[in-house]
Amino acid sequence: MKLLIVEDNARMRRMIRQIVSDCAEQIFECADGAEALTIYALNRPDWVLMDIEMEGMDGLTAARQIKSEFMEAKILFVTNYDDAAFRKSACEAGAVDYILKENLLDILPIIQQ
């Protein structure tokens, strides 16, 4: 499985990487949505683990653009925002699911389906 972690906080990227490393053959990382578009197009990962709030292009915008070009993209939002409006926006952007950073272990059952 190939994964793309899109997170502007390097420490959080490392934590996510540690959690998913046993189930991934390749892990790509970047710090904003614009980079995510390029990396996705070049590598076509099986899953994108994406933050919402980032400098530059935010995760919702990036998800919309990835999904508009690659309908098969599977995006999981990993965020601090436990907010109904953000959840709705994530769903509208094409996300498969939405989890909170305080529950990082919830990533595994989702991507291993």
Protein backbone atom coordinates (compact mmCIF):
# COMPACT_ATOMS: atom_id res chain seq x y z
CA MET A 1 0.00 0.00 0.00
CA LYS A 2 1.18 3.52 -0.81
CA LEU A 3 0.25 6.39 1.51
CA LEU A 4 0.56 10.16 1.29
CA ILE A 5 0.69 12.10 4.56
CA VAL A 6 -0.22 15.77 4.10
CA GLU A 7 0.46 17.63 7.33
CA ASP A 8 2.22 20.95 8.01
CA ASN A 9 3.45 19.88 11.46
CA ALA A 10 6.60 17.73 11.09
CA ARG A 11 6.12 16.14 14.52
CA MET A 12 2.57 15.09 13.65
CA ARG A 13 3.78 13.68 10.29
CA ARG A 14 6.31 11.54 12.19
CA MET A 15 3.62 10.28 14.56
CA ILE A 16 1.29 9.34 11.71
CA ARG A 17 4.19 7.67 9.86
CA GLN A 18 5.00 5.56 12.92
CA ILE A 19 1.40 4.39 13.19
CA VAL A 20 1.00 3.42 9.53
CA SER A 21 4.54 2.26 8.70
CA ASP A 22 3.83 -1.45 9.20
CA CYS A 23 1.01 -1.51 6.66
CA ALA A 24 2.61 0.68 3.98
CA GLU A 25 5.14 -0.25 1.32
CA GLN A 26 5.75 3.41 0.51
CA ILE A 27 4.99 6.59 2.41
CA PHE A 28 5.19 10.02 0.83
CA GLU A 29 5.00 13.20 2.90
CA CYS A 30 4.38 16.86 2.26
CA ALA A 31 3.46 19.98 4.21
CA ASP A 32 0.65 21.58 2.18
CA GLY A 33 -2.14 20.94 -0.26
CA ALA A 34 -0.31 22.24 -3.32
CA GLU A 35 2.50 19.74 -2.78
CA ALA A 36 -0.11 17.04 -2.25
CA LEU A 37 -1.55 17.61 -5.72
CA THR A 38 1.84 17.10 -7.34
CA ILE A 39 2.80 14.09 -5.24
CA TYR A 40 -0.59 12.46 -5.77
CA ALA A 41 -0.40 12.87 -9.54
CA LEU A 42 3.13 11.42 -9.68
CA ASN A 43 2.66 8.50 -7.29
CA ARG A 44 -1.08 7.68 -7.11
CA PRO A 45 -1.08 6.56 -3.46
CA ASP A 46 -3.79 4.24 -2.21
CA TRP A 47 -4.66 6.66 0.60
CA VAL A 48 -4.15 10.35 1.38
CA LEU A 49 -4.05 11.21 5.09
CA MET A 50 -4.71 14.94 5.03
CA ASP A 51 -4.88 17.74 7.56
CA ILE A 52 -7.47 20.46 6.98
CA GLU A 53 -5.75 23.61 8.22
CA MET A 54 -2.38 24.24 6.55
CA GLU A 55 -0.43 27.22 5.24
CA GLY A 56 -0.73 27.72 1.51
CA MET A 57 -3.41 25.45 0.12
CA ASP A 58 -5.64 23.94 2.81
CA GLY A 59 -6.67 20.30 2.87
CA LEU A 60 -10.27 20.83 1.76
CA THR A 61 -9.18 22.68 -1.38
CA ALA A 62 -6.53 20.06 -2.12
CA ALA A 63 -9.02 17.22 -1.63
CA ARG A 64 -11.51 18.81 -4.03
CA GLN A 65 -8.81 19.22 -6.67
CA ILE A 66 -7.44 15.71 -6.24
CA LYS A 67 -10.94 14.18 -6.44
CA SER A 68 -11.86 16.26 -9.49
CA GLU A 69 -8.91 14.81 -11.38
CA PHE A 70 -8.70 11.37 -9.78
CA MET A 71 -12.15 10.11 -8.82
CA GLU A 72 -10.66 6.94 -7.33
CA ALA A 73 -8.62 8.87 -4.73
CA LYS A 74 -9.27 7.82 -1.14
CA ILE A 75 -8.82 10.70 1.29
CA LEU A 76 -8.94 10.47 5.06
CA PHE A 77 -8.93 13.76 6.94
CA VAL A 78 -6.83 13.74 10.11
CA THR A 79 -7.52 16.96 11.98
CA ASN A 80 -7.95 18.73 15.30
CA TYR A 81 -11.31 20.19 14.24
CA ASP A 82 -14.22 18.33 15.80
CA ASP A 83 -16.78 20.49 14.07
CA ALA A 84 -19.92 19.55 12.15
CA ALA A 85 -19.29 22.17 9.46
CA PHE A 86 -15.77 20.84 8.80
CA ARG A 87 -17.07 17.26 8.69
CA LYS A 88 -19.70 18.28 6.16
CA SER A 89 -17.11 20.15 4.06
CA ALA A 90 -14.79 17.13 4.18
CA CYS A 91 -17.59 14.87 2.97
CA GLU A 92 -18.47 17.31 0.18
CA ALA A 93 -14.78 17.41 -0.81
CA GLY A 94 -14.90 13.65 -1.33
CA ALA A 95 -13.35 12.33 1.88
CA VAL A 96 -13.88 8.69 2.77
CA ASP A 97 -13.68 9.49 6.47
CA TYR A 98 -12.67 12.06 9.08
CA ILE A 99 -10.80 11.40 12.32
CA LEU A 100 -9.35 13.53 15.07
CA LYS A 101 -5.63 13.72 15.76
CA GLU A 102 -6.27 12.66 19.34
CA ASN A 103 -7.42 9.29 17.90
CA LEU A 104 -4.60 8.52 15.45
CA LEU A 105 -4.93 4.77 15.96
CA ASP A 106 -8.32 5.04 14.22
CA ILE A 107 -6.40 5.44 10.96
CA LEU A 108 -5.47 1.77 10.74
CA PRO A 109 -8.90 0.13 10.56
CA ILE A 110 -9.97 2.66 7.95
CA ILE A 111 -7.04 2.23 5.56
CA GLN A 112 -6.90 -1.54 6.02
CA GLN A 113 -10.48 -2.11 4.82
